[in-house]
Amino acid sequence: MSEWSPRSWKDRPVEQQPDWPDAEALERVVKSLGALPPLVFAGEARKLTAKLGEVAAGRAFLLQAGDCAESFSDYSADSIRDKLKVILQMAVVLTYGSGVPVVKLGRIAGQFAKPRSSPTETVDGVELPSFRGHIVNDDAPIAALRVPDPDRLIAAYHQSASTLNLLRAFTTGGFADLSQVHAWNQEFVTTSTAGRRYEAIAAEIDRALRFMRACGIELEAEASLHQVDFWTSHEALILGYEEALTREDSLTNDWYDCSAHMLWIGERTRAVDGAHVEFLRGVHNPVGVKLGPTATGAEAVALCETLNPDRVPGRITLISRMGAKTVETALPPLIQAVSDAGHPVLWVCDPMHANTFTSENGRKTRHFEDVLGEIRGFFAVHKALGTWPGGVHVELTGDDVTECLGGAEEVFEDDLPLRYTTTCDPRLNARQSIDLAFRVAELLRA
């Protein structure tokens, strides 16, 4: 392979980059970002790689979840807490139901950019530059606000830093204590079918903790009962931002992208000879790659060879996004090819992106049964091949939104306009998310 540097991606074909109007302003911002402290540390990324290695070996399960795209306008401590609540609840359901440790990885503290299929979109009959996430431009349908603004890169950094600070406080400061399992259940969830099932598990956990205390076990000394490891991830889309936050580790002299613990490459930017693969092959963070229904076994193997030539367990996660109707035919050749090549990858199912459609009222949505159907197909493929279904990657929110159809407390098409607040793609609400966790736990037990 050619020599790598944090800037070598500039010599490769690059996709999905904003058309920045002022190159000098962009260079000034990137230089400023390069002087700011890292958001995460190399040692944290190495620890996550080891955890993901356990998942790849079939000894743990990955829950990767969070917003479709984080927002500058809808940002508060409450919204961060409520997303974390749902992810913690899902992890408890999965762990309790399957007996498998769960690695908790958020789409958070950096998930601001979105790839788009077209550089323009039409809103109310007016053609505008596409909204590419708040790290680039504004979602308001105003031409001047759709112009890419490099100062938004700085704003994204500071919001990520604030979010990380709050997440660390929540996960190590008592909020994630297992004695708080009832407090994670939000009021509008408690009355739902999924919420009641969750409360039953919470009561069982309470009884187990009381039993251990009665047996004289010093629970206060068990850190794993009082805090959790929670990791951050986002799509490494805006390469100038990622380059600026890449640092050389003083202990190992290896390069790490310190914008998040894990980065992933999207379906639209996964060309082996492209800029995104070139950038991420040189950093030592764990890396994910989205694979759609057109991906081939040869492409999957080439990505593994490029991104993980040393075959480090936990280094690479392959995230399938095939669609409920396609997964059982499109996924097996990829798994077989990668297995035959001897790559220790972690396979994860993204059941959201290939199941998106536009409703009759013009809103993008997904149906809960399609999401669940793709996960079932994913598990069926791995069972048939004797491989480990390593995790799920879902878009969700802690809010009581009406963006995805179906679920036990069914959302109907007429309900979509009631609380449709996403800035980009539709997300599962808290009830649907916990319901999904129960269904996945059942698949894991099987």
Protein backbone atom coordinates (compact mmCIF):
# COMPACT_ATOMS: atom_id res chain seq x y z
CA MET A 1 0.00 0.00 0.00
CA SER A 2 1.04 3.59 -0.55
CA GLU A 3 2.37 5.62 2.36
CA TRP A 4 -0.41 7.04 4.55
CA SER A 5 -0.80 10.44 6.22
CA PRO A 6 -3.86 12.24 7.59
CA ARG A 7 -3.89 14.22 4.32
CA SER A 8 -3.33 11.38 1.83
CA TRP A 9 -7.09 11.09 1.25
CA LYS A 10 -6.82 14.29 -0.80
CA ASP A 11 -5.07 12.33 -3.57
CA ARG A 12 -8.08 10.00 -4.02
CA PRO A 13 -11.53 10.47 -5.60
CA VAL A 14 -13.81 11.93 -2.96
CA GLU A 15 -17.61 11.78 -2.72
CA GLN A 16 -20.29 13.53 -0.67
CA GLN A 17 -18.22 16.60 0.27
CA PRO A 18 -19.92 20.01 0.54
CA ASP A 19 -19.27 22.60 -2.12
CA TRP A 20 -17.62 25.03 0.28
CA PRO A 21 -17.86 28.52 -1.24
CA ASP A 22 -14.78 29.99 0.48
CA ALA A 23 -11.65 27.79 0.45
CA GLU A 24 -9.70 30.22 2.65
CA ALA A 25 -12.42 30.24 5.31
CA LEU A 26 -12.49 26.44 5.28
CA GLU A 27 -8.70 26.25 5.69
CA ARG A 28 -8.87 28.70 8.61
CA VAL A 29 -11.53 26.60 10.36
CA VAL A 30 -9.69 23.31 9.79
CA LYS A 31 -6.53 24.85 11.20
CA SER A 32 -8.47 26.03 14.28
CA LEU A 33 -9.93 22.55 14.77
CA GLY A 34 -6.45 21.07 14.58
CA ALA A 35 -5.39 23.14 17.58
CA LEU A 36 -8.34 22.07 19.78
CA PRO A 37 -8.10 19.21 22.30
CA PRO A 38 -9.14 15.71 21.17
CA LEU A 39 -12.72 14.69 21.91
CA VAL A 40 -11.75 11.10 22.76
CA PHE A 41 -8.45 9.42 23.54
CA ALA A 42 -6.45 6.72 21.81
CA GLY A 43 -6.56 4.44 24.85
CA GLU A 44 -10.37 4.56 24.83
CA ALA A 45 -10.45 3.57 21.15
CA ARG A 46 -8.08 0.67 21.82
CA LYS A 47 -10.32 -0.53 24.66
CA LEU A 48 -13.34 -0.44 22.35
CA THR A 49 -11.43 -2.46 19.72
CA ALA A 50 -10.83 -5.14 22.36
CA LYS A 51 -14.54 -5.13 23.33
CA LEU A 52 -15.55 -5.45 19.68
CA GLY A 53 -13.09 -8.31 19.35
CA GLU A 54 -15.17 -10.13 21.95
CA VAL A 55 -18.26 -9.51 19.84
CA ALA A 56 -16.52 -10.79 16.70
CA ALA A 57 -15.62 -13.96 18.62
CA GLY A 58 -19.29 -14.55 19.54
CA ARG A 59 -18.87 -13.72 23.22
CA ALA A 60 -20.79 -10.41 23.26
CA PHE A 61 -23.37 -8.42 21.27
CA LEU A 62 -23.20 -4.86 19.90
CA LEU A 63 -26.01 -2.34 20.30
CA GLN A 64 -25.26 0.71 18.15
CA ALA A 65 -28.05 3.27 18.37
CA GLY A 66 -28.93 6.95 18.31
CA ASP A 67 -30.17 9.79 16.17
CA CYS A 68 -30.31 9.75 12.40
CA ALA A 69 -28.64 13.16 12.47
CA GLU A 70 -27.94 15.25 15.56
CA SER A 71 -29.36 18.74 15.54
CA PHE A 72 -28.00 22.14 16.54
CA SER A 73 -31.52 23.40 17.26
CA ASP A 74 -32.99 20.41 19.14
CA TYR A 75 -30.20 19.99 21.66
CA SER A 76 -30.52 19.78 25.44
CA ALA A 77 -29.39 17.80 28.48
CA ASP A 78 -32.86 16.24 28.61
CA SER A 79 -32.69 14.95 25.03
CA ILE A 80 -29.24 13.43 25.62
CA ARG A 81 -30.41 11.82 28.88
CA ASP A 82 -33.55 10.41 27.27
CA LYS A 83 -31.62 8.84 24.36
CA LEU A 84 -29.21 7.31 26.86
CA LYS A 85 -32.15 5.99 28.91
CA VAL A 86 -33.53 4.11 25.93
CA ILE A 87 -30.14 2.63 25.00
CA LEU A 88 -29.56 1.52 28.61
CA GLN A 89 -33.03 -0.04 28.73
CA MET A 90 -32.42 -1.88 25.46
CA ALA A 91 -29.06 -3.13 26.74
CA VAL A 92 -30.66 -4.44 29.95
CA VAL A 93 -33.35 -6.25 27.97
CA LEU A 94 -30.76 -7.79 25.63
CA THR A 95 -28.40 -8.81 28.44
CA TYR A 96 -31.13 -10.17 30.71
CA GLY A 97 -32.93 -11.95 27.90
CA SER A 98 -29.92 -13.53 26.23
CA GLY A 99 -27.24 -13.78 28.92
CA VAL A 100 -24.76 -12.12 26.56
CA PRO A 101 -22.75 -8.96 27.48
CA VAL A 102 -23.79 -5.94 25.41
CA VAL A 103 -21.37 -3.33 24.08
CA LYS A 104 -23.16 0.04 24.05
CA LEU A 105 -22.19 2.33 21.17
CA GLY A 106 -24.05 5.57 20.47
CA ARG A 107 -24.65 7.38 17.21
CA ILE A 108 -24.00 10.52 19.18
CA ALA A 109 -21.52 13.35 19.88
CA GLY A 110 -20.58 13.78 16.23
CA GLN A 111 -23.36 12.35 14.02
CA PHE A 112 -24.12 15.65 12.28
CA ALA A 113 -23.44 14.96 8.60
CA LYS A 114 -25.69 13.10 6.17
CA PRO A 115 -24.89 11.77 2.68
CA ARG A 116 -27.44 12.74 0.02
CA SER A 117 -28.45 11.12 -3.23
CA SER A 118 -28.70 14.49 -5.00
CA PRO A 119 -26.93 17.86 -4.55
CA THR A 120 -30.31 19.61 -4.68
CA GLU A 121 -33.82 19.03 -3.39
CA THR A 122 -37.18 20.67 -4.09
CA VAL A 123 -39.11 22.15 -1.17
CA ASP A 124 -42.54 23.67 -1.84
CA GLY A 125 -41.71 23.92 -5.53
CA VAL A 126 -38.34 25.66 -4.93
CA GLU A 127 -35.06 23.94 -5.81
CA LEU A 128 -32.50 24.32 -3.01
CA PRO A 129 -29.09 22.86 -2.15
CA SER A 130 -29.69 19.62 -0.24
CA PHE A 131 -29.57 19.69 3.53
CA ARG A 132 -26.36 17.81 4.46
CA GLY A 133 -26.64 17.94 8.24
CA HIS A 134 -26.12 20.82 10.66
CA ILE A 135 -22.35 20.44 10.45
CA VAL A 136 -22.66 21.78 6.87
CA ASN A 137 -25.83 23.87 6.44
CA ASP A 138 -29.30 24.52 7.86
CA ASP A 139 -32.42 22.46 7.27
CA ALA A 140 -34.61 25.58 6.90
CA PRO A 141 -35.87 25.90 3.29
CA ILE A 142 -34.06 29.20 2.74
CA ALA A 143 -31.46 29.41 -0.02
CA ALA A 144 -29.00 31.55 1.99
CA LEU A 145 -29.05 29.08 4.91
CA ARG A 146 -28.39 26.12 2.60
CA VAL A 147 -24.97 27.50 1.62
CA PRO A 148 -22.27 25.35 3.29
CA ASP A 149 -20.72 27.27 6.20
CA PRO A 150 -17.34 26.04 7.54
CA ASP A 151 -17.92 27.74 10.90
CA ARG A 152 -20.46 24.99 11.53
CA LEU A 153 -17.55 22.55 11.86
CA ILE A 154 -16.45 24.45 14.96
CA ALA A 155 -20.02 24.45 16.31
CA ALA A 156 -20.22 20.67 15.77
CA TYR A 157 -16.97 20.18 17.69
CA HIS A 158 -18.20 22.18 20.69
CA GLN A 159 -21.60 20.48 20.78
CA SER A 160 -19.85 17.09 20.59
CA ALA A 161 -17.59 18.07 23.48
CA SER A 162 -20.58 19.13 25.60
CA THR A 163 -22.47 15.94 24.74
CA LEU A 164 -19.48 13.75 25.62
CA ASN A 165 -19.04 15.57 28.91
CA LEU A 166 -22.66 14.92 29.85
CA LEU A 167 -22.55 11.27 28.71
CA ARG A 168 -19.47 10.63 30.83
CA ALA A 169 -21.19 12.21 33.82
CA PHE A 170 -24.33 10.11 33.34
CA THR A 171 -22.54 6.80 32.77
CA THR A 172 -20.04 7.11 35.62
CA GLY A 173 -21.82 9.38 38.10
CA GLY A 174 -24.66 7.14 39.32
CA PHE A 175 -27.31 7.53 36.60
CA ALA A 176 -26.29 4.21 34.98
CA ASP A 177 -26.28 2.36 38.32
CA LEU A 178 -28.32 -0.86 38.07
CA SER A 179 -30.29 0.29 41.11
CA GLN A 180 -31.71 3.00 38.82
CA VAL A 181 -33.23 0.58 36.28
CA HIS A 182 -36.79 1.69 37.09
CA ALA A 183 -35.84 5.37 36.66
CA TRP A 184 -34.81 4.74 33.04
CA ASN A 185 -38.41 3.93 32.07
CA GLN A 186 -40.08 7.11 30.88
CA GLU A 187 -43.69 7.84 31.78
CA PHE A 188 -45.06 7.52 28.25
CA VAL A 189 -43.26 4.18 27.87
CA THR A 190 -44.31 2.66 31.22
CA THR A 191 -47.94 2.23 30.17
CA SER A 192 -47.03 0.46 26.92
CA THR A 193 -46.71 -3.28 26.43
CA ALA A 194 -42.93 -3.02 26.05
CA GLY A 195 -42.73 -0.74 29.09
CA ARG A 196 -44.60 -3.22 31.28
CA ARG A 197 -42.36 -6.06 30.13
CA TYR A 198 -39.35 -3.91 30.94
CA GLU A 199 -40.71 -3.13 34.44
CA ALA A 200 -40.98 -6.87 35.10
CA ILE A 201 -37.29 -7.29 34.26
CA ALA A 202 -36.41 -4.26 36.42
CA ALA A 203 -38.23 -5.86 39.36
CA GLU A 204 -36.30 -9.11 38.84
CA ILE A 205 -33.02 -7.17 38.84
CA ASP A 206 -34.04 -5.45 42.08
CA ARG A 207 -34.73 -8.82 43.69
CA ALA A 208 -31.41 -10.21 42.48
CA LEU A 209 -29.52 -7.24 43.95
CA ARG A 210 -31.33 -7.62 47.28
CA PHE A 211 -30.52 -11.35 47.30
CA MET A 212 -26.82 -10.69 46.70
CA ARG A 213 -26.74 -8.14 49.52
CA ALA A 214 -28.47 -10.61 51.83
CA CYS A 215 -25.74 -13.13 50.97
CA GLY A 216 -23.12 -10.63 52.13
CA ILE A 217 -21.81 -9.70 48.68
CA GLU A 218 -20.26 -6.22 48.70
CA LEU A 219 -22.15 -4.71 45.77
CA GLU A 220 -20.66 -1.27 46.32
CA ALA A 221 -17.25 -2.64 45.34
CA GLU A 222 -18.53 -3.93 41.98
CA ALA A 223 -17.95 -1.01 39.60
CA SER A 224 -19.78 -2.80 36.76
CA LEU A 225 -23.02 -2.51 38.74
CA HIS A 226 -22.71 1.25 39.16
CA GLN A 227 -21.34 2.53 35.85
CA VAL A 228 -21.15 1.48 32.21
CA ASP A 229 -18.77 1.85 29.32
CA PHE A 230 -20.51 3.93 26.67
CA TRP A 231 -18.80 4.64 23.38
CA THR A 232 -19.44 7.17 20.63
CA SER A 233 -19.52 6.77 16.85
CA HIS A 234 -20.49 8.63 13.70
CA GLU A 235 -20.14 8.40 9.95
CA ALA A 236 -16.76 9.85 8.96
CA LEU A 237 -18.22 11.83 6.08
CA ILE A 238 -16.71 15.34 6.16
CA LEU A 239 -13.06 14.43 5.76
CA GLY A 240 -11.63 17.87 6.48
CA TYR A 241 -13.23 17.70 9.94
CA GLU A 242 -11.96 14.17 10.56
CA GLU A 243 -8.44 15.04 9.40
CA ALA A 244 -8.31 18.05 11.72
CA LEU A 245 -9.14 15.88 14.75
CA THR A 246 -6.63 13.14 13.93
CA ARG A 247 -3.76 12.90 16.39
CA GLU A 248 -0.61 10.82 16.81
CA ASP A 249 -0.76 8.79 20.01
CA SER A 250 2.20 9.56 22.27
CA LEU A 251 2.32 5.98 23.61
CA THR A 252 2.20 3.99 20.37
CA ASN A 253 2.98 6.59 17.69
CA ASP A 254 -0.13 5.37 15.87
CA TRP A 255 -2.69 7.75 14.39
CA TYR A 256 -6.21 7.99 15.85
CA ASP A 257 -9.21 9.99 14.71
CA CYS A 258 -10.09 11.60 18.03
CA SER A 259 -13.53 12.83 16.95
CA ALA A 260 -15.14 9.54 18.12
CA HIS A 261 -14.26 6.11 19.42
CA MET A 262 -15.51 4.40 16.25
CA LEU A 263 -16.04 5.77 12.73
CA TRP A 264 -17.90 4.21 9.86
CA ILE A 265 -17.94 4.53 6.08
CA GLY A 266 -21.31 4.75 4.35
CA GLU A 267 -22.69 2.75 1.44
CA ARG A 268 -22.14 5.73 -0.89
CA THR A 269 -18.49 6.29 0.06
CA ARG A 270 -17.07 2.76 0.46
CA ALA A 271 -15.10 2.59 -2.83
CA VAL A 272 -11.85 0.78 -2.02
CA ASP A 273 -9.81 3.33 -4.01
CA GLY A 274 -11.82 6.29 -2.66
CA ALA A 275 -10.89 9.02 -0.21
CA HIS A 276 -12.95 7.74 2.74
CA VAL A 277 -11.40 4.28 2.73
CA GLU A 278 -7.96 5.83 2.25
CA PHE A 279 -8.44 8.07 5.29
CA LEU A 280 -9.77 5.39 7.63
CA ARG A 281 -7.22 2.74 6.66
CA GLY A 282 -4.55 4.80 8.42
CA VAL A 283 -6.24 5.53 11.75
CA HIS A 284 -6.28 2.85 14.45
CA ASN A 285 -9.85 3.36 15.69
CA PRO A 286 -12.30 0.53 15.15
CA VAL A 287 -13.96 1.12 11.76
CA GLY A 288 -17.33 0.16 10.31
CA VAL A 289 -18.43 -0.15 6.67
CA LYS A 290 -22.03 -0.12 5.45
CA LEU A 291 -22.78 -2.76 2.79
CA GLY A 292 -25.94 -2.50 0.70
CA PRO A 293 -27.63 -5.11 -1.51
CA THR A 294 -25.35 -4.39 -4.48
CA ALA A 295 -22.15 -5.17 -2.55
CA THR A 296 -20.20 -8.22 -3.71
CA GLY A 297 -18.10 -10.71 -1.79
CA ALA A 298 -15.00 -9.50 -3.64
CA GLU A 299 -15.70 -5.90 -2.56
CA ALA A 300 -16.23 -6.95 1.06
CA VAL A 301 -12.94 -8.89 1.10
CA ALA A 302 -11.07 -6.01 -0.57
CA LEU A 303 -12.38 -3.61 2.09
CA CYS A 304 -11.22 -5.98 4.84
CA GLU A 305 -7.79 -6.36 3.24
CA THR A 306 -7.41 -2.58 2.93
CA LEU A 307 -8.80 -1.55 6.31
CA ASN A 308 -7.53 -4.48 8.40
CA PRO A 309 -4.58 -6.16 6.67
CA ASP A 310 -3.24 -7.40 10.02
CA ARG A 311 -6.58 -9.11 10.80
CA VAL A 312 -6.96 -7.50 14.22
CA PRO A 313 -10.16 -8.76 15.90
CA GLY A 314 -12.55 -5.88 16.56
CA ARG A 315 -10.89 -3.54 14.09
CA ILE A 316 -13.53 -3.84 11.37
CA THR A 317 -17.33 -4.09 11.58
CA LEU A 318 -19.33 -4.88 8.45
CA ILE A 319 -22.81 -3.36 8.71
CA SER A 320 -25.34 -4.87 6.32
CA ARG A 321 -28.24 -2.69 5.13
CA MET A 322 -29.98 -4.95 2.64
CA GLY A 323 -33.74 -4.53 3.13
CA ALA A 324 -36.17 -7.03 4.62
CA LYS A 325 -36.92 -8.65 1.24
CA THR A 326 -33.28 -8.90 0.14
CA VAL A 327 -31.18 -9.75 3.17
CA GLU A 328 -31.52 -13.54 2.98
CA THR A 329 -30.24 -13.65 -0.61
CA ALA A 330 -27.75 -10.77 -0.68
CA LEU A 331 -25.98 -11.31 2.65
CA PRO A 332 -24.81 -14.98 2.52
CA PRO A 333 -22.28 -14.51 -0.33
CA LEU A 334 -20.63 -11.65 1.59
CA ILE A 335 -20.34 -13.62 4.82
CA GLN A 336 -19.03 -16.66 2.97
CA ALA A 337 -16.41 -14.68 1.06
CA VAL A 338 -15.13 -12.88 4.16
CA SER A 339 -15.09 -16.11 6.20
CA ASP A 340 -13.21 -17.95 3.46
CA ALA A 341 -10.62 -15.13 3.40
CA GLY A 342 -10.06 -15.56 7.14
CA HIS A 343 -11.02 -12.06 8.28
CA PRO A 344 -12.21 -11.79 11.93
CA VAL A 345 -15.00 -9.29 11.26
CA LEU A 346 -17.98 -8.29 13.35
CA TRP A 347 -21.27 -8.54 11.42
CA VAL A 348 -23.99 -6.04 12.34
CA CYS A 349 -27.48 -5.47 10.91
CA ASP A 350 -28.70 -1.97 10.04
CA PRO A 351 -32.41 -2.69 9.46
CA MET A 352 -33.37 0.94 8.94
CA HIS A 353 -31.89 2.43 5.80
CA ALA A 354 -32.96 -0.08 3.14
CA ASN A 355 -36.53 -0.16 4.49
CA THR A 356 -37.31 3.55 4.06
CA PHE A 357 -40.22 4.62 1.87
CA THR A 358 -42.38 7.70 1.33
CA SER A 359 -45.91 7.56 2.75
CA GLU A 360 -48.98 8.81 0.94
CA ASN A 361 -48.78 12.05 2.92
CA GLY A 362 -45.26 12.66 1.57
CA ARG A 363 -43.25 11.84 4.70
CA LYS A 364 -40.33 9.43 4.73
CA THR A 365 -41.05 6.55 7.07
CA ARG A 366 -40.21 2.94 7.94
CA HIS A 367 -42.45 0.16 9.17
CA PHE A 368 -41.54 -1.60 12.41
CA GLU A 369 -42.35 -4.99 10.87
CA ASP A 370 -39.90 -4.36 8.00
CA VAL A 371 -37.20 -3.38 10.50
CA LEU A 372 -37.86 -6.53 12.51
CA GLY A 373 -38.12 -8.58 9.32
CA GLU A 374 -34.63 -7.61 8.21
CA ILE A 375 -33.21 -8.48 11.64
CA ARG A 376 -34.93 -11.87 11.51
CA GLY A 377 -33.46 -12.48 8.07
CA PHE A 378 -30.02 -11.43 9.31
CA PHE A 379 -30.21 -13.92 12.18
CA ALA A 380 -31.50 -16.66 9.88
CA VAL A 381 -28.55 -16.21 7.51
CA HIS A 382 -26.01 -16.43 10.33
CA LYS A 383 -27.72 -19.47 11.82
CA ALA A 384 -27.60 -21.23 8.45
CA LEU A 385 -23.90 -20.38 7.96
CA GLY A 386 -22.84 -21.09 11.54
CA THR A 387 -21.61 -17.51 12.08
CA TRP A 388 -22.36 -15.01 14.85
CA PRO A 389 -24.97 -12.26 14.34
CA GLY A 390 -22.93 -9.67 16.18
CA GLY A 391 -25.24 -6.72 16.63
CA VAL A 392 -27.85 -4.24 15.48
CA HIS A 393 -27.46 -0.63 14.32
CA VAL A 394 -30.66 1.40 14.70
CA GLU A 395 -31.82 5.00 14.51
CA LEU A 396 -33.90 5.97 17.54
CA THR A 397 -34.82 8.78 19.89
CA GLY A 398 -35.94 8.97 23.49
CA ASP A 399 -38.81 11.24 22.47
CA ASP A 400 -42.43 10.22 21.89
CA VAL A 401 -42.23 10.78 18.14
CA THR A 402 -44.46 9.42 15.38
CA GLU A 403 -41.98 8.79 12.57
CA CYS A 404 -41.95 5.01 12.03
CA LEU A 405 -45.14 3.03 11.46
CA GLY A 406 -46.27 0.00 13.44
CA GLY A 407 -45.02 -1.43 16.71
CA ALA A 408 -47.02 -2.91 19.59
CA GLU A 409 -48.50 0.54 20.33
CA GLU A 410 -49.12 1.01 16.64
CA VAL A 411 -48.32 4.24 14.82
CA PHE A 412 -50.59 4.65 11.79
CA GLU A 413 -49.98 6.67 8.66
CA ASP A 414 -52.42 9.38 9.81
CA ASP A 415 -50.33 9.71 13.01
CA LEU A 416 -47.10 10.65 11.21
CA PRO A 417 -47.69 14.44 11.19
CA LEU A 418 -48.45 14.52 14.93
CA ARG A 419 -44.86 14.40 16.23
CA TYR A 420 -42.56 14.11 13.21
CA THR A 421 -39.48 16.04 14.32
CA THR A 422 -36.45 14.40 12.68
CA THR A 423 -34.17 16.62 10.61
CA CYS A 424 -33.56 13.81 8.13
CA ASP A 425 -34.65 10.15 8.38
CA PRO A 426 -37.43 8.64 10.56
CA ARG A 427 -36.46 7.15 13.93
CA LEU A 428 -37.97 4.55 16.23
CA ASN A 429 -39.54 6.06 19.33
CA ALA A 430 -38.74 4.77 22.82
CA ARG A 431 -41.63 2.26 22.93
CA GLN A 432 -40.72 0.81 19.53
CA SER A 433 -37.03 0.65 20.50
CA ILE A 434 -37.66 -1.35 23.68
CA ASP A 435 -40.12 -3.59 21.85
CA LEU A 436 -37.38 -4.24 19.27
CA ALA A 437 -34.89 -5.11 22.03
CA PHE A 438 -37.24 -7.80 23.35
CA ARG A 439 -37.63 -9.27 19.86
CA VAL A 440 -33.85 -9.30 19.32
CA ALA A 441 -33.29 -10.92 22.73
CA GLU A 442 -35.64 -13.70 21.69
CA LEU A 443 -33.65 -14.22 18.48
CA LEU A 444 -30.41 -14.32 20.48
CA ARG A 445 -31.82 -16.95 22.84
CA ALA A 446 -32.76 -19.08 19.83
